[in-house]
């Protein structure tokens, strides 16, 4: 099943990216990432951690 992704704006230059993927109703991948806009481009603040849940 394809994952779902959401962008939640905190301010005009800060947002949170949320991604998750499910399989048979269970979350199997999950990621949250903070991004800032600088020089007109969105950049991640830290390297996202994608965890596979067994």
PDB file of N, CA and C in Angstrom:
ATOM      1  N   UNK A   1       0.846  -1.186   0.000  1.00  0.00           N
ATOM      2  CA  UNK A   1       0.000   0.000   0.000  1.00  0.00           C
ATOM      3  C   UNK A   1       0.884   1.239   0.000  1.00  0.00           C
ATOM      4  N   UNK A   2       0.544   2.244  -0.813  1.00  0.00           N
ATOM      5  CA  UNK A   2       1.342   3.471  -0.810  1.00  0.00           C
ATOM      6  C   UNK A   2       1.221   4.202   0.525  1.00  0.00           C
ATOM      7  N   UNK A   3       2.252   4.972   0.829  1.00  0.00           N
ATOM      8  CA  UNK A   3       2.251   5.722   2.072  1.00  0.00           C
ATOM      9  C   UNK A   3       1.455   7.005   1.960  1.00  0.00           C
ATOM     10  N   UNK A   4       1.259   7.645   3.102  1.00  0.00           N
ATOM     11  CA  UNK A   4       0.580   8.935   3.163  1.00  0.00           C
ATOM     12  C   UNK A   4       1.569   9.955   3.692  1.00  0.00           C
ATOM     13  N   UNK A   5       1.496  11.166   3.136  1.00  0.00           N
ATOM     14  CA  UNK A   5       2.405  12.230   3.530  1.00  0.00           C
ATOM     15  C   UNK A   5       1.608  13.489   3.826  1.00  0.00           C
ATOM     16  N   UNK A   6       1.996  14.190   4.881  1.00  0.00           N
ATOM     17  CA  UNK A   6       1.328  15.426   5.278  1.00  0.00           C
ATOM     18  C   UNK A   6       2.377  16.498   5.507  1.00  0.00           C
ATOM     19  N   UNK A   7       2.057  17.732   5.163  1.00  0.00           N
ATOM     20  CA  UNK A   7       2.888  18.893   5.483  1.00  0.00           C
ATOM     21  C   UNK A   7       2.081  19.788   6.406  1.00  0.00           C
ATOM     22  N   UNK A   8       2.652  20.125   7.548  1.00  0.00           N
ATOM     23  CA  UNK A   8       1.987  20.987   8.516  1.00  0.00           C
ATOM     24  C   UNK A   8       2.840  22.236   8.680  1.00  0.00           C
ATOM     25  N   UNK A   9       2.273  23.368   8.308  1.00  0.00           N
ATOM     26  CA  UNK A   9       2.993  24.637   8.389  1.00  0.00           C
ATOM     27  C   UNK A   9       3.009  25.146   9.832  1.00  0.00           C
ATOM     28  N   UNK A  10       4.202  25.483  10.332  1.00  0.00           N
ATOM     29  CA  UNK A  10       4.348  26.097  11.644  1.00  0.00           C
ATOM     30  C   UNK A  10       4.414  27.618  11.508  1.00  0.00           C
ATOM     31  N   UNK A  11       5.020  28.093  10.436  1.00  0.00           N
ATOM     32  CA  UNK A  11       5.200  29.516  10.153  1.00  0.00           C
ATOM     33  C   UNK A  11       5.435  29.629   8.652  1.00  0.00           C
ATOM     34  N   UNK A  12       5.667  30.826   8.135  1.00  0.00           N
ATOM     35  CA  UNK A  12       5.865  30.964   6.691  1.00  0.00           C
ATOM     36  C   UNK A  12       7.170  30.318   6.229  1.00  0.00           C
ATOM     37  N   UNK A  13       8.087  30.066   7.161  1.00  0.00           N
ATOM     38  CA  UNK A  13       9.379  29.474   6.783  1.00  0.00           C
ATOM     39  C   UNK A  13       9.747  28.239   7.612  1.00  0.00           C
ATOM     40  N   UNK A  14       8.752  27.595   8.212  1.00  0.00           N
ATOM     41  CA  UNK A  14       8.994  26.379   8.997  1.00  0.00           C
ATOM     42  C   UNK A  14       7.792  25.440   8.853  1.00  0.00           C
ATOM     43  N   UNK A  15       8.091  24.159   8.629  1.00  0.00           N
ATOM     44  CA  UNK A  15       7.016  23.185   8.468  1.00  0.00           C
ATOM     45  C   UNK A  15       7.489  21.806   8.928  1.00  0.00           C
ATOM     46  N   UNK A  16       6.504  20.947   9.187  1.00  0.00           N
ATOM     47  CA  UNK A  16       6.782  19.566   9.563  1.00  0.00           C
ATOM     48  C   UNK A  16       6.279  18.666   8.452  1.00  0.00           C
ATOM     49  N   UNK A  17       7.117  17.714   8.052  1.00  0.00           N
ATOM     50  CA  UNK A  17       6.732  16.700   7.071  1.00  0.00           C
ATOM     51  C   UNK A  17       6.534  15.390   7.830  1.00  0.00           C
ATOM     52  N   UNK A  18       5.394  14.763   7.602  1.00  0.00           N
ATOM     53  CA  UNK A  18       5.039  13.504   8.269  1.00  0.00           C
ATOM     54  C   UNK A  18       4.717  12.481   7.193  1.00  0.00           C
ATOM     55  N   UNK A  19       5.295  11.294   7.299  1.00  0.00           N
ATOM     56  CA  UNK A  19       5.037  10.219   6.347  1.00  0.00           C
ATOM     57  C   UNK A  19       4.793   8.930   7.114  1.00  0.00           C
ATOM     58  N   UNK A  20       3.828   8.161   6.674  1.00  0.00           N
ATOM     59  CA  UNK A  20       3.665   6.823   7.225  1.00  0.00           C
ATOM     60  C   UNK A  20       3.095   5.886   6.173  1.00  0.00           C
ATOM     61  N   UNK A  21       3.443   4.617   6.315  1.00  0.00           N
ATOM     62  CA  UNK A  21       2.942   3.575   5.415  1.00  0.00           C
ATOM     63  C   UNK A  21       2.428   2.431   6.273  1.00  0.00           C
ATOM     64  N   UNK A  22       1.294   1.888   5.872  1.00  0.00           N
ATOM     65  CA  UNK A  22       0.709   0.782   6.612  1.00  0.00           C
ATOM     66  C   UNK A  22       0.648  -0.473   5.747  1.00  0.00           C
ATOM     67  N   UNK A  23       0.556  -1.595   6.427  1.00  0.00           N
ATOM     68  CA  UNK A  23       0.359  -2.885   5.768  1.00  0.00           C
ATOM     69  C   UNK A  23      -0.615  -3.668   6.635  1.00  0.00           C
ATOM     70  N   UNK A  24      -1.747  -4.003   6.088  1.00  0.00           N
ATOM     71  CA  UNK A  24      -2.797  -4.722   6.825  1.00  0.00           C
ATOM     72  C   UNK A  24      -3.194  -3.988   8.103  1.00  0.00           C
ATOM     73  N   UNK A  25      -3.267  -2.652   8.023  1.00  0.00           N
ATOM     74  CA  UNK A  25      -3.702  -1.848   9.158  1.00  0.00           C
ATOM     75  C   UNK A  25      -2.637  -1.568  10.202  1.00  0.00           C
ATOM     76  N   UNK A  26      -1.412  -2.049  10.010  1.00  0.00           N
ATOM     77  CA  UNK A  26      -0.316  -1.794  10.947  1.00  0.00           C
ATOM     78  C   UNK A  26       0.677  -0.835  10.321  1.00  0.00           C
ATOM     79  N   UNK A  27       1.189   0.106  11.110  1.00  0.00           N
ATOM     80  CA  UNK A  27       2.206   1.029  10.621  1.00  0.00           C
ATOM     81  C   UNK A  27       3.512   0.270  10.455  1.00  0.00           C
ATOM     82  N   UNK A  28       4.084   0.319   9.237  1.00  0.00           N
ATOM     83  CA  UNK A  28       5.344  -0.381   8.971  1.00  0.00           C
ATOM     84  C   UNK A  28       6.488   0.591   8.680  1.00  0.00           C
ATOM     85  N   UNK A  29       6.173   1.842   8.342  1.00  0.00           N
ATOM     86  CA  UNK A  29       7.184   2.894   8.178  1.00  0.00           C
ATOM     87  C   UNK A  29       6.605   4.195   8.705  1.00  0.00           C
ATOM     88  N   UNK A  30       7.469   5.018   9.311  1.00  0.00           N
ATOM     89  CA  UNK A  30       7.036   6.284   9.911  1.00  0.00           C
ATOM     90  C   UNK A  30       8.207   7.251   9.875  1.00  0.00           C
ATOM     91  N   UNK A  31       7.935   8.521   9.518  1.00  0.00           N
ATOM     92  CA  UNK A  31       8.992   9.529   9.468  1.00  0.00           C
ATOM     93  C   UNK A  31       8.391  10.897   9.796  1.00  0.00           C
ATOM     94  N   UNK A  32       9.106  11.670  10.602  1.00  0.00           N
ATOM     95  CA  UNK A  32       8.752  13.057  10.892  1.00  0.00           C
ATOM     96  C   UNK A  32      10.002  13.883  10.661  1.00  0.00           C
ATOM     97  N   UNK A  33       9.855  15.006   9.943  1.00  0.00           N
ATOM     98  CA  UNK A  33      11.019  15.816   9.591  1.00  0.00           C
ATOM     99  C   UNK A  33      10.666  17.292   9.707  1.00  0.00           C
ATOM    100  N   UNK A  34      11.534  18.073  10.334  1.00  0.00           N
ATOM    101  CA  UNK A  34      11.375  19.517  10.411  1.00  0.00           C
ATOM    102  C   UNK A  34      12.111  20.139   9.231  1.00  0.00           C
ATOM    103  N   UNK A  35      11.465  21.086   8.544  1.00  0.00           N
ATOM    104  CA  UNK A  35      12.067  21.758   7.393  1.00  0.00           C
ATOM    105  C   UNK A  35      11.961  23.263   7.558  1.00  0.00           C
ATOM    106  N   UNK A  36      12.987  23.977   7.080  1.00  0.00           N
ATOM    107  CA  UNK A  36      12.952  25.442   7.093  1.00  0.00           C
ATOM    108  C   UNK A  36      13.164  25.947   5.670  1.00  0.00           C
ATOM    109  N   UNK A  37      12.606  27.117   5.403  1.00  0.00           N
ATOM    110  CA  UNK A  37      12.767  27.741   4.094  1.00  0.00           C
ATOM    111  C   UNK A  37      13.880  28.778   4.197  1.00  0.00           C
ATOM    112  N   UNK A  38      14.905  28.602   3.374  1.00  0.00           N
ATOM    113  CA  UNK A  38      16.019  29.531   3.374  1.00  0.00           C
ATOM    114  C   UNK A  38      16.452  29.773   1.936  1.00  0.00           C
ATOM    115  N   UNK A  39      16.593  31.026   1.568  1.00  0.00           N
ATOM    116  CA  UNK A  39      16.967  31.359   0.196  1.00  0.00           C
ATOM    117  C   UNK A  39      15.920  30.904  -0.814  1.00  0.00           C
ATOM    118  N   UNK A  40      14.661  30.815  -0.379  1.00  0.00           N
ATOM    119  CA  UNK A  40      13.587  30.403  -1.274  1.00  0.00           C
ATOM    120  C   UNK A  40      13.439  28.901  -1.450  1.00  0.00           C
ATOM    121  N   UNK A  41      14.289  28.109  -0.767  1.00  0.00           N
ATOM    122  CA  UNK A  41      14.237  26.650  -0.882  1.00  0.00           C
ATOM    123  C   UNK A  41      13.960  26.012   0.473  1.00  0.00           C
ATOM    124  N   UNK A  42      13.191  24.928   0.452  1.00  0.00           N
ATOM    125  CA  UNK A  42      12.937  24.171   1.677  1.00  0.00           C
ATOM    126  C   UNK A  42      14.089  23.204   1.923  1.00  0.00           C
ATOM    127  N   UNK A  43      14.622  23.227   3.168  1.00  0.00           N
ATOM    128  CA  UNK A  43      15.741  22.357   3.547  1.00  0.00           C
ATOM    129  C   UNK A  43      15.371  21.614   4.824  1.00  0.00           C
ATOM    130  N   UNK A  44      15.790  20.345   4.900  1.00  0.00           N
ATOM    131  CA  UNK A  44      15.560  19.591   6.127  1.00  0.00           C
ATOM    132  C   UNK A  44      16.520  20.067   7.205  1.00  0.00           C
ATOM    133  N   UNK A  45      16.050  20.102   8.442  1.00  0.00           N
ATOM    134  CA  UNK A  45      16.879  20.543   9.558  1.00  0.00           C
ATOM    135  C   UNK A  45      17.810  19.419   9.988  1.00  0.00           C
ATOM    136  N   UNK A  46      17.314  18.205   9.973  1.00  0.00           N
ATOM    137  CA  UNK A  46      18.138  17.057  10.324  1.00  0.00           C
ATOM    138  C   UNK A  46      17.824  15.920   9.356  1.00  0.00           C
ATOM    139  N   UNK A  47      18.666  14.935   9.345  1.00  0.00           N
ATOM    140  CA  UNK A  47      18.452  13.793   8.463  1.00  0.00           C
ATOM    141  C   UNK A  47      17.252  13.008   8.993  1.00  0.00           C
ATOM    142  N   UNK A  48      16.276  12.728   8.126  1.00  0.00           N
ATOM    143  CA  UNK A  48      15.098  11.993   8.601  1.00  0.00           C
ATOM    144  C   UNK A  48      15.454  10.563   8.987  1.00  0.00           C
ATOM    145  N   UNK A  49      14.781  10.077   9.975  1.00  0.00           N
ATOM    146  CA  UNK A  49      14.959   8.693  10.410  1.00  0.00           C
ATOM    147  C   UNK A  49      13.733   7.917   9.986  1.00  0.00           C
ATOM    148  N   UNK A  50      13.919   6.972   9.114  1.00  0.00           N
ATOM    149  CA  UNK A  50      12.832   6.121   8.643  1.00  0.00           C
ATOM    150  C   UNK A  50      12.992   4.773   9.338  1.00  0.00           C
ATOM    151  N   UNK A  51      12.026   4.440  10.150  1.00  0.00           N
ATOM    152  CA  UNK A  51      12.100   3.223  10.953  1.00  0.00           C
ATOM    153  C   UNK A  51      11.099   2.200  10.415  1.00  0.00           C
ATOM    154  N   UNK A  52      11.567   1.006  10.205  1.00  0.00           N
ATOM    155  CA  UNK A  52      10.671  -0.086   9.833  1.00  0.00           C
ATOM    156  C   UNK A  52      10.256  -0.786  11.113  1.00  0.00           C
ATOM    157  N   UNK A  53       8.965  -0.856  11.337  1.00  0.00           N
ATOM    158  CA  UNK A  53       8.427  -1.489  12.546  1.00  0.00           C
ATOM    159  C   UNK A  53       8.132  -2.938  12.215  1.00  0.00           C
ATOM    160  N   UNK A  54       8.723  -3.824  12.963  1.00  0.00           N
ATOM    161  CA  UNK A  54       8.550  -5.259  12.713  1.00  0.00           C
ATOM    162  C   UNK A  54       7.383  -5.809  13.477  1.00  0.00           C
TER     163      UNK A  54
END
